[in-house]
């Protein structure tokens, strides 16, 4: 169940700019987990790492640093 909480958190982060900014402001996994728990998401650092490893580079960039994700060109060069 706690692994599902990590998954749900990342889904929520994609939609919530305020939560993105709050999580982006910390590089400490324990602080990240504390913020998540305040929002009702309970998981361990190992479960967080497992979920991060499942994300694509683009999804991770959108969570960690919104606006700097992988660039896609409409017309490939």
C-alpha atoms as a PDB file:
ATOM      1  CA  UNK A   1       0.000   0.000   0.000  1.00  0.00           C
ATOM      2  CA  UNK A   2       2.784   2.461   0.784  1.00  0.00           C
ATOM      3  CA  UNK A   3       4.344   1.935  -2.665  1.00  0.00           C
ATOM      4  CA  UNK A   4       0.994   2.966  -4.143  1.00  0.00           C
ATOM      5  CA  UNK A   5       1.178   6.130  -2.039  1.00  0.00           C
ATOM      6  CA  UNK A   6       4.476   7.038  -3.725  1.00  0.00           C
ATOM      7  CA  UNK A   7       2.884   6.422  -7.129  1.00  0.00           C
ATOM      8  CA  UNK A   8      -0.134   8.562  -6.226  1.00  0.00           C
ATOM      9  CA  UNK A   9       2.125  11.355  -4.986  1.00  0.00           C
ATOM     10  CA  UNK A  10       3.943  11.569  -8.315  1.00  0.00           C
ATOM     11  CA  UNK A  11       0.621  11.657 -10.157  1.00  0.00           C
ATOM     12  CA  UNK A  12      -0.541  14.496  -7.890  1.00  0.00           C
ATOM     13  CA  UNK A  13       2.718  16.412  -8.328  1.00  0.00           C
ATOM     14  CA  UNK A  14       2.191  16.527 -12.100  1.00  0.00           C
ATOM     15  CA  UNK A  15      -1.084  18.417 -11.541  1.00  0.00           C
ATOM     16  CA  UNK A  16      -0.246  20.593  -8.509  1.00  0.00           C
ATOM     17  CA  UNK A  17       2.193  23.462  -9.152  1.00  0.00           C
ATOM     18  CA  UNK A  18       2.343  24.439  -5.467  1.00  0.00           C
ATOM     19  CA  UNK A  19       3.295  20.904  -4.463  1.00  0.00           C
ATOM     20  CA  UNK A  20       5.898  20.797  -7.264  1.00  0.00           C
ATOM     21  CA  UNK A  21       7.512  23.966  -5.959  1.00  0.00           C
ATOM     22  CA  UNK A  22       7.511  22.745  -2.370  1.00  0.00           C
ATOM     23  CA  UNK A  23       9.087  19.383  -3.248  1.00  0.00           C
ATOM     24  CA  UNK A  24      11.539  20.941  -5.689  1.00  0.00           C
ATOM     25  CA  UNK A  25      12.833  23.172  -2.900  1.00  0.00           C
ATOM     26  CA  UNK A  26      14.263  20.197  -0.996  1.00  0.00           C
ATOM     27  CA  UNK A  27      17.032  17.809  -1.980  1.00  0.00           C
ATOM     28  CA  UNK A  28      16.761  15.831   1.266  1.00  0.00           C
ATOM     29  CA  UNK A  29      14.740  12.595   0.872  1.00  0.00           C
ATOM     30  CA  UNK A  30      13.589  12.729   4.501  1.00  0.00           C
ATOM     31  CA  UNK A  31      12.236  16.271   4.036  1.00  0.00           C
ATOM     32  CA  UNK A  32      10.567  15.146   0.788  1.00  0.00           C
ATOM     33  CA  UNK A  33       8.870  12.281   2.658  1.00  0.00           C
ATOM     34  CA  UNK A  34       7.811  14.638   5.479  1.00  0.00           C
ATOM     35  CA  UNK A  35       6.139  16.969   2.961  1.00  0.00           C
ATOM     36  CA  UNK A  36       4.430  13.975   1.348  1.00  0.00           C
ATOM     37  CA  UNK A  37       3.163  12.742   4.735  1.00  0.00           C
ATOM     38  CA  UNK A  38       1.665  16.182   5.401  1.00  0.00           C
ATOM     39  CA  UNK A  39      -0.364  15.627   2.218  1.00  0.00           C
ATOM     40  CA  UNK A  40      -1.463  12.126   3.264  1.00  0.00           C
ATOM     41  CA  UNK A  41       1.125  10.068   1.353  1.00  0.00           C
ATOM     42  CA  UNK A  42       3.009   7.602   3.545  1.00  0.00           C
ATOM     43  CA  UNK A  43       6.031   5.693   2.176  1.00  0.00           C
ATOM     44  CA  UNK A  44       9.679   4.920   2.931  1.00  0.00           C
ATOM     45  CA  UNK A  45      12.828   6.266   1.273  1.00  0.00           C
ATOM     46  CA  UNK A  46      13.302   2.858  -0.423  1.00  0.00           C
ATOM     47  CA  UNK A  47       9.793   3.019  -1.869  1.00  0.00           C
ATOM     48  CA  UNK A  48      10.450   6.584  -3.012  1.00  0.00           C
ATOM     49  CA  UNK A  49      13.642   5.485  -4.752  1.00  0.00           C
ATOM     50  CA  UNK A  50      11.835   2.559  -6.433  1.00  0.00           C
ATOM     51  CA  UNK A  51       9.173   4.915  -7.765  1.00  0.00           C
ATOM     52  CA  UNK A  52      11.753   7.449  -8.981  1.00  0.00           C
ATOM     53  CA  UNK A  53      13.551   4.668 -10.866  1.00  0.00           C
ATOM     54  CA  UNK A  54      10.311   3.887 -12.737  1.00  0.00           C
ATOM     55  CA  UNK A  55       9.928   7.445 -14.046  1.00  0.00           C
ATOM     56  CA  UNK A  56      11.064   8.495 -17.489  1.00  0.00           C
ATOM     57  CA  UNK A  57      13.651  11.281 -17.666  1.00  0.00           C
ATOM     58  CA  UNK A  58      10.955  13.639 -18.881  1.00  0.00           C
ATOM     59  CA  UNK A  59       8.566  12.830 -16.009  1.00  0.00           C
ATOM     60  CA  UNK A  60      11.349  13.146 -13.454  1.00  0.00           C
ATOM     61  CA  UNK A  61      12.414  16.503 -14.888  1.00  0.00           C
ATOM     62  CA  UNK A  62       8.805  17.725 -14.736  1.00  0.00           C
ATOM     63  CA  UNK A  63       8.675  16.903 -11.026  1.00  0.00           C
ATOM     64  CA  UNK A  64      12.168  17.942  -9.981  1.00  0.00           C
ATOM     65  CA  UNK A  65      12.571  20.918 -12.282  1.00  0.00           C
ATOM     66  CA  UNK A  66       9.330  21.834 -14.090  1.00  0.00           C
ATOM     67  CA  UNK A  67       9.904  23.599 -17.378  1.00  0.00           C
ATOM     68  CA  UNK A  68      13.267  21.990 -18.067  1.00  0.00           C
ATOM     69  CA  UNK A  69      12.095  18.600 -19.307  1.00  0.00           C
ATOM     70  CA  UNK A  70      13.363  16.833 -22.380  1.00  0.00           C
ATOM     71  CA  UNK A  71      12.842  18.918 -25.488  1.00  0.00           C
ATOM     72  CA  UNK A  72      10.914  17.446 -28.382  1.00  0.00           C
ATOM     73  CA  UNK A  73      11.049  18.952 -31.837  1.00  0.00           C
ATOM     74  CA  UNK A  74       7.989  19.097 -34.030  1.00  0.00           C
ATOM     75  CA  UNK A  75      10.154  18.622 -37.096  1.00  0.00           C
ATOM     76  CA  UNK A  76      13.153  16.351 -36.480  1.00  0.00           C
ATOM     77  CA  UNK A  77      16.416  17.589 -37.914  1.00  0.00           C
END
